[in-house]
C-alpha cells in the first residue's frame, strides 16, 4: 500500500543519511 511505501522511503532515507555522514567522517 502507499503507507508501506512511504515508511520504506523514510527509513531508507534515514539509512542513506547515516551512510553519507559516515563517508564524510572518512574523507
PDB file of N, CA and C in Angstrom:
ATOM      1  N   UNK A   1       0.836  -1.200   0.000  1.00  0.00           N
ATOM      2  CA  UNK A   1       0.000   0.000   0.000  1.00  0.00           C
ATOM      3  C   UNK A   1       0.874   1.255   0.000  1.00  0.00           C
ATOM      4  N   UNK A   2       0.264   2.387  -0.171  1.00  0.00           N
ATOM      5  CA  UNK A   2       1.017   3.644  -0.210  1.00  0.00           C
ATOM      6  C   UNK A   2       1.683   3.908   1.140  1.00  0.00           C
ATOM      7  N   UNK A   3       0.981   3.602   2.230  1.00  0.00           N
ATOM      8  CA  UNK A   3       1.537   3.834   3.570  1.00  0.00           C
ATOM      9  C   UNK A   3       2.850   3.071   3.757  1.00  0.00           C
ATOM     10  N   UNK A   4       2.841   1.801   3.336  1.00  0.00           N
ATOM     11  CA  UNK A   4       4.050   0.984   3.484  1.00  0.00           C
ATOM     12  C   UNK A   4       5.191   1.577   2.676  1.00  0.00           C
ATOM     13  N   UNK A   5       4.887   2.000   1.454  1.00  0.00           N
ATOM     14  CA  UNK A   5       5.929   2.584   0.602  1.00  0.00           C
ATOM     15  C   UNK A   5       6.490   3.841   1.234  1.00  0.00           C
ATOM     16  N   UNK A   6       5.618   4.634   1.829  1.00  0.00           N
ATOM     17  CA  UNK A   6       6.055   5.878   2.467  1.00  0.00           C
ATOM     18  C   UNK A   6       7.022   5.571   3.604  1.00  0.00           C
ATOM     19  N   UNK A   7       6.686   4.571   4.416  1.00  0.00           N
ATOM     20  CA  UNK A   7       7.549   4.190   5.537  1.00  0.00           C
ATOM     21  C   UNK A   7       8.899   3.709   5.005  1.00  0.00           C
ATOM     22  N   UNK A   8       8.861   2.930   3.932  1.00  0.00           N
ATOM     23  CA  UNK A   8      10.096   2.431   3.339  1.00  0.00           C
ATOM     24  C   UNK A   8      10.973   3.588   2.873  1.00  0.00           C
ATOM     25  N   UNK A   9      10.341   4.580   2.252  1.00  0.00           N
ATOM     26  CA  UNK A   9      11.102   5.726   1.742  1.00  0.00           C
ATOM     27  C   UNK A   9      11.757   6.487   2.883  1.00  0.00           C
ATOM     28  N   UNK A  10      11.010   6.685   3.967  1.00  0.00           N
ATOM     29  CA  UNK A  10      11.543   7.425   5.113  1.00  0.00           C
ATOM     30  C   UNK A  10      12.689   6.660   5.761  1.00  0.00           C
ATOM     31  N   UNK A  11      12.501   5.368   5.977  1.00  0.00           N
ATOM     32  CA  UNK A  11      13.531   4.571   6.640  1.00  0.00           C
ATOM     33  C   UNK A  11      14.785   4.487   5.779  1.00  0.00           C
ATOM     34  N   UNK A  12      14.607   4.272   4.476  1.00  0.00           N
ATOM     35  CA  UNK A  12      15.764   4.171   3.587  1.00  0.00           C
ATOM     36  C   UNK A  12      16.466   5.518   3.498  1.00  0.00           C
ATOM     37  N   UNK A  13      15.694   6.611   3.567  1.00  0.00           N
ATOM     38  CA  UNK A  13      16.286   7.939   3.534  1.00  0.00           C
ATOM     39  C   UNK A  13      17.159   8.167   4.753  1.00  0.00           C
ATOM     40  N   UNK A  14      16.707   7.680   5.907  1.00  0.00           N
ATOM     41  CA  UNK A  14      17.477   7.833   7.138  1.00  0.00           C
ATOM     42  C   UNK A  14      18.772   7.041   7.041  1.00  0.00           C
ATOM     43  N   UNK A  15      18.680   5.825   6.518  1.00  0.00           N
ATOM     44  CA  UNK A  15      19.862   4.985   6.359  1.00  0.00           C
ATOM     45  C   UNK A  15      20.863   5.655   5.424  1.00  0.00           C
ATOM     46  N   UNK A  16      20.337   6.268   4.357  1.00  0.00           N
ATOM     47  CA  UNK A  16      21.196   6.932   3.379  1.00  0.00           C
ATOM     48  C   UNK A  16      21.952   8.078   4.040  1.00  0.00           C
ATOM     49  N   UNK A  17      21.255   8.836   4.888  1.00  0.00           N
ATOM     50  CA  UNK A  17      21.899   9.958   5.574  1.00  0.00           C
ATOM     51  C   UNK A  17      22.986   9.451   6.508  1.00  0.00           C
ATOM     52  N   UNK A  18      22.731   8.313   7.173  1.00  0.00           N
ATOM     53  CA  UNK A  18      23.728   7.751   8.080  1.00  0.00           C
ATOM     54  C   UNK A  18      24.981   7.385   7.299  1.00  0.00           C
ATOM     55  N   UNK A  19      24.784   6.768   6.127  1.00  0.00           N
ATOM     56  CA  UNK A  19      25.921   6.364   5.300  1.00  0.00           C
ATOM     57  C   UNK A  19      26.687   7.589   4.820  1.00  0.00           C
ATOM     58  N   UNK A  20      25.954   8.639   4.439  1.00  0.00           N
ATOM     59  CA  UNK A  20      26.610   9.859   3.956  1.00  0.00           C
ATOM     60  C   UNK A  20      27.456  10.479   5.057  1.00  0.00           C
ATOM     61  N   UNK A  21      26.928  10.518   6.282  1.00  0.00           N
ATOM     62  CA  UNK A  21      27.673  11.105   7.395  1.00  0.00           C
ATOM     63  C   UNK A  21      28.924  10.281   7.683  1.00  0.00           C
ATOM     64  N   UNK A  22      28.817   8.947   7.560  1.00  0.00           N
ATOM     65  CA  UNK A  22      29.979   8.086   7.787  1.00  0.00           C
ATOM     66  C   UNK A  22      31.039   8.367   6.733  1.00  0.00           C
ATOM     67  N   UNK A  23      30.600   8.534   5.472  1.00  0.00           N
ATOM     68  CA  UNK A  23      31.545   8.808   4.390  1.00  0.00           C
ATOM     69  C   UNK A  23      32.243  10.141   4.615  1.00  0.00           C
ATOM     70  N   UNK A  24      31.504  11.128   5.116  1.00  0.00           N
ATOM     71  CA  UNK A  24      32.094  12.443   5.369  1.00  0.00           C
ATOM     72  C   UNK A  24      33.158  12.335   6.456  1.00  0.00           C
ATOM     73  N   UNK A  25      32.913  11.481   7.458  1.00  0.00           N
ATOM     74  CA  UNK A  25      33.882  11.309   8.538  1.00  0.00           C
ATOM     75  C   UNK A  25      35.150  10.646   8.006  1.00  0.00           C
ATOM     76  N   UNK A  26      34.979   9.712   7.051  1.00  0.00           N
ATOM     77  CA  UNK A  26      36.122   9.003   6.488  1.00  0.00           C
ATOM     78  C   UNK A  26      36.950   9.922   5.603  1.00  0.00           C
ATOM     79  N   UNK A  27      36.313  10.815   4.890  1.00  0.00           N
ATOM     80  CA  UNK A  27      37.013  11.704   3.956  1.00  0.00           C
ATOM     81  C   UNK A  27      37.907  12.692   4.702  1.00  0.00           C
TER      82      UNK A  27
END
